[in-house]
């Protein structure tokens, strides 16, 4: 299953979201996103999912290396993009909470397993 996630950047900070108790992987942190539909591009999926989950607009910028993770019930190919935050108020429609954090603080949160290699790839990108 292909899942897109957005590493949404604003003023040197990154948006992270915490999954609610009712979601799979409850209370773990993730980069927001969702499942790719057959009729859409990766960028269209990301824009749609972020808008559906958070009511915000983003611009996908750079595709990073995908990460595969095998959960007990499915295999996820997580496809990350760095994204620009285009403004508007965040409205949590699925998640419990969100935070804007520095890239250096990402490792201090408890992440969904599929997101962990994405963090490493993102930090390597920032270090050039």
C-alpha atoms as a PDB file:
ATOM      1  CA  UNK A   1       0.000   0.000   0.000  1.00  0.00           C
ATOM      2  CA  UNK A   2       1.415   3.391  -1.018  1.00  0.00           C
ATOM      3  CA  UNK A   3       1.054   6.114   1.618  1.00  0.00           C
ATOM      4  CA  UNK A   4       2.217   9.697   1.178  1.00  0.00           C
ATOM      5  CA  UNK A   5       3.478  11.842   4.044  1.00  0.00           C
ATOM      6  CA  UNK A   6       4.314  15.516   4.196  1.00  0.00           C
ATOM      7  CA  UNK A   7       7.289  16.975   6.022  1.00  0.00           C
ATOM      8  CA  UNK A   8       5.659  20.393   6.253  1.00  0.00           C
ATOM      9  CA  UNK A   9       8.141  23.191   6.875  1.00  0.00           C
ATOM     10  CA  UNK A  10       7.539  26.697   8.234  1.00  0.00           C
ATOM     11  CA  UNK A  11      10.142  29.138   9.572  1.00  0.00           C
ATOM     12  CA  UNK A  12      12.696  26.414  10.269  1.00  0.00           C
ATOM     13  CA  UNK A  13      10.135  24.206  12.038  1.00  0.00           C
ATOM     14  CA  UNK A  14       8.442  20.966  10.983  1.00  0.00           C
ATOM     15  CA  UNK A  15       4.809  19.962  11.582  1.00  0.00           C
ATOM     16  CA  UNK A  16       4.270  16.635  13.367  1.00  0.00           C
ATOM     17  CA  UNK A  17       0.948  15.071  14.330  1.00  0.00           C
ATOM     18  CA  UNK A  18      -0.024  12.619  17.056  1.00  0.00           C
ATOM     19  CA  UNK A  19      -2.433   9.823  16.133  1.00  0.00           C
ATOM     20  CA  UNK A  20      -5.625   9.650  18.190  1.00  0.00           C
ATOM     21  CA  UNK A  21      -6.576   6.728  20.440  1.00  0.00           C
ATOM     22  CA  UNK A  22      -9.072   5.471  17.827  1.00  0.00           C
ATOM     23  CA  UNK A  23      -6.516   5.244  14.974  1.00  0.00           C
ATOM     24  CA  UNK A  24      -4.180   2.323  14.306  1.00  0.00           C
ATOM     25  CA  UNK A  25      -0.802   3.004  15.935  1.00  0.00           C
ATOM     26  CA  UNK A  26      -2.583   5.032  18.663  1.00  0.00           C
ATOM     27  CA  UNK A  27      -0.793   8.012  20.228  1.00  0.00           C
ATOM     28  CA  UNK A  28       2.317   7.637  18.088  1.00  0.00           C
ATOM     29  CA  UNK A  29       3.666  10.643  16.196  1.00  0.00           C
ATOM     30  CA  UNK A  30       3.832  10.833  12.416  1.00  0.00           C
ATOM     31  CA  UNK A  31       4.216  13.120   9.464  1.00  0.00           C
ATOM     32  CA  UNK A  32       0.638  13.657   8.235  1.00  0.00           C
ATOM     33  CA  UNK A  33      -0.580  12.164   4.979  1.00  0.00           C
ATOM     34  CA  UNK A  34      -2.560   9.238   3.651  1.00  0.00           C
ATOM     35  CA  UNK A  35      -3.223   6.546   1.073  1.00  0.00           C
ATOM     36  CA  UNK A  36      -2.652   7.097  -2.630  1.00  0.00           C
ATOM     37  CA  UNK A  37      -5.849   6.677  -4.681  1.00  0.00           C
ATOM     38  CA  UNK A  38      -5.532   4.982  -8.114  1.00  0.00           C
ATOM     39  CA  UNK A  39      -6.599   8.088 -10.043  1.00  0.00           C
ATOM     40  CA  UNK A  40      -4.213  10.644  -8.515  1.00  0.00           C
ATOM     41  CA  UNK A  41      -0.558  11.649  -8.582  1.00  0.00           C
ATOM     42  CA  UNK A  42       1.544  11.531  -5.423  1.00  0.00           C
ATOM     43  CA  UNK A  43       1.439  15.310  -5.138  1.00  0.00           C
ATOM     44  CA  UNK A  44      -2.362  15.413  -5.579  1.00  0.00           C
ATOM     45  CA  UNK A  45      -2.746  12.752  -2.884  1.00  0.00           C
ATOM     46  CA  UNK A  46      -0.597  14.687  -0.443  1.00  0.00           C
ATOM     47  CA  UNK A  47      -2.414  17.988  -1.005  1.00  0.00           C
ATOM     48  CA  UNK A  48      -5.814  16.251  -0.638  1.00  0.00           C
ATOM     49  CA  UNK A  49      -4.933  14.209   2.456  1.00  0.00           C
ATOM     50  CA  UNK A  50      -3.328  17.132   4.327  1.00  0.00           C
ATOM     51  CA  UNK A  51      -6.365  19.284   3.547  1.00  0.00           C
ATOM     52  CA  UNK A  52      -8.780  16.532   4.676  1.00  0.00           C
ATOM     53  CA  UNK A  53      -6.907  15.833   7.924  1.00  0.00           C
ATOM     54  CA  UNK A  54      -5.707  19.301   8.933  1.00  0.00           C
ATOM     55  CA  UNK A  55      -7.667  21.830   6.817  1.00  0.00           C
ATOM     56  CA  UNK A  56      -4.445  23.442   5.594  1.00  0.00           C
ATOM     57  CA  UNK A  57      -2.905  24.025   2.182  1.00  0.00           C
ATOM     58  CA  UNK A  58       0.601  22.894   1.298  1.00  0.00           C
ATOM     59  CA  UNK A  59       2.883  22.829  -1.717  1.00  0.00           C
ATOM     60  CA  UNK A  60       4.870  19.594  -2.169  1.00  0.00           C
ATOM     61  CA  UNK A  61       8.515  20.440  -2.952  1.00  0.00           C
ATOM     62  CA  UNK A  62      10.925  17.503  -2.943  1.00  0.00           C
ATOM     63  CA  UNK A  63      10.301  13.742  -2.995  1.00  0.00           C
ATOM     64  CA  UNK A  64      12.549  11.869  -0.580  1.00  0.00           C
ATOM     65  CA  UNK A  65      13.503   8.193  -0.526  1.00  0.00           C
ATOM     66  CA  UNK A  66      10.461   6.001   0.254  1.00  0.00           C
ATOM     67  CA  UNK A  67      10.549   3.678   3.270  1.00  0.00           C
ATOM     68  CA  UNK A  68       8.857   0.278   3.443  1.00  0.00           C
ATOM     69  CA  UNK A  69       7.560  -1.125   6.701  1.00  0.00           C
ATOM     70  CA  UNK A  70       5.788  -4.411   7.366  1.00  0.00           C
ATOM     71  CA  UNK A  71       3.032  -4.130   9.971  1.00  0.00           C
ATOM     72  CA  UNK A  72       1.239  -7.292  11.185  1.00  0.00           C
ATOM     73  CA  UNK A  73      -1.686  -6.667   8.801  1.00  0.00           C
ATOM     74  CA  UNK A  74      -0.122  -4.759   5.871  1.00  0.00           C
ATOM     75  CA  UNK A  75       3.010  -3.566   4.130  1.00  0.00           C
ATOM     76  CA  UNK A  76       3.285   0.194   3.802  1.00  0.00           C
ATOM     77  CA  UNK A  77       5.455   2.049   1.312  1.00  0.00           C
ATOM     78  CA  UNK A  78       5.752   5.478   2.908  1.00  0.00           C
ATOM     79  CA  UNK A  79       6.606   8.151   0.319  1.00  0.00           C
ATOM     80  CA  UNK A  80       7.768  11.404   1.931  1.00  0.00           C
ATOM     81  CA  UNK A  81       7.811  14.880   0.430  1.00  0.00           C
ATOM     82  CA  UNK A  82       9.126  18.063   1.913  1.00  0.00           C
ATOM     83  CA  UNK A  83       6.320  20.619   1.691  1.00  0.00           C
ATOM     84  CA  UNK A  84       5.850  24.332   2.092  1.00  0.00           C
ATOM     85  CA  UNK A  85       3.106  25.467   4.480  1.00  0.00           C
ATOM     86  CA  UNK A  86       0.808  27.882   2.644  1.00  0.00           C
ATOM     87  CA  UNK A  87      -0.971  29.204   5.689  1.00  0.00           C
ATOM     88  CA  UNK A  88      -4.413  28.911   7.249  1.00  0.00           C
ATOM     89  CA  UNK A  89      -5.434  27.597  10.644  1.00  0.00           C
ATOM     90  CA  UNK A  90      -4.737  23.963  11.497  1.00  0.00           C
ATOM     91  CA  UNK A  91      -7.958  22.101  12.335  1.00  0.00           C
ATOM     92  CA  UNK A  92      -7.418  18.588  13.697  1.00  0.00           C
ATOM     93  CA  UNK A  93     -10.023  16.306  12.103  1.00  0.00           C
ATOM     94  CA  UNK A  94      -8.392  12.935  12.894  1.00  0.00           C
ATOM     95  CA  UNK A  95      -5.326  13.515  15.056  1.00  0.00           C
ATOM     96  CA  UNK A  96      -5.106  14.147  18.787  1.00  0.00           C
ATOM     97  CA  UNK A  97      -2.606  17.009  18.612  1.00  0.00           C
ATOM     98  CA  UNK A  98       0.048  18.673  16.508  1.00  0.00           C
ATOM     99  CA  UNK A  99       3.311  20.485  17.181  1.00  0.00           C
ATOM    100  CA  UNK A 100       5.746  22.616  15.234  1.00  0.00           C
ATOM    101  CA  UNK A 101       9.202  21.348  16.236  1.00  0.00           C
ATOM    102  CA  UNK A 102      12.797  21.914  15.216  1.00  0.00           C
ATOM    103  CA  UNK A 103      14.296  19.161  13.073  1.00  0.00           C
ATOM    104  CA  UNK A 104      16.726  18.449  15.913  1.00  0.00           C
ATOM    105  CA  UNK A 105      13.820  17.639  18.251  1.00  0.00           C
ATOM    106  CA  UNK A 106      12.247  14.990  15.965  1.00  0.00           C
ATOM    107  CA  UNK A 107      14.127  12.120  17.621  1.00  0.00           C
ATOM    108  CA  UNK A 108      12.644  12.919  21.036  1.00  0.00           C
ATOM    109  CA  UNK A 109       9.118  11.787  20.029  1.00  0.00           C
ATOM    110  CA  UNK A 110       7.710   8.248  19.856  1.00  0.00           C
ATOM    111  CA  UNK A 111       7.082   7.657  16.144  1.00  0.00           C
ATOM    112  CA  UNK A 112       5.105   5.233  14.021  1.00  0.00           C
ATOM    113  CA  UNK A 113       7.709   2.676  12.884  1.00  0.00           C
ATOM    114  CA  UNK A 114       7.336   3.527   9.181  1.00  0.00           C
ATOM    115  CA  UNK A 115       8.233   7.185   9.868  1.00  0.00           C
ATOM    116  CA  UNK A 116      11.582   6.487  11.573  1.00  0.00           C
ATOM    117  CA  UNK A 117      13.644   5.972   8.376  1.00  0.00           C
ATOM    118  CA  UNK A 118      11.938   9.060   6.901  1.00  0.00           C
ATOM    119  CA  UNK A 119      13.265  11.163   9.800  1.00  0.00           C
ATOM    120  CA  UNK A 120      16.800   9.891   9.151  1.00  0.00           C
ATOM    121  CA  UNK A 121      16.528  10.677   5.421  1.00  0.00           C
ATOM    122  CA  UNK A 122      15.169  14.161   6.163  1.00  0.00           C
ATOM    123  CA  UNK A 123      17.922  14.997   8.659  1.00  0.00           C
ATOM    124  CA  UNK A 124      20.561  13.819   6.170  1.00  0.00           C
ATOM    125  CA  UNK A 125      19.020  16.110   3.541  1.00  0.00           C
ATOM    126  CA  UNK A 126      19.248  19.084   5.906  1.00  0.00           C
ATOM    127  CA  UNK A 127      22.903  18.338   6.649  1.00  0.00           C
ATOM    128  CA  UNK A 128      23.614  18.413   2.922  1.00  0.00           C
END
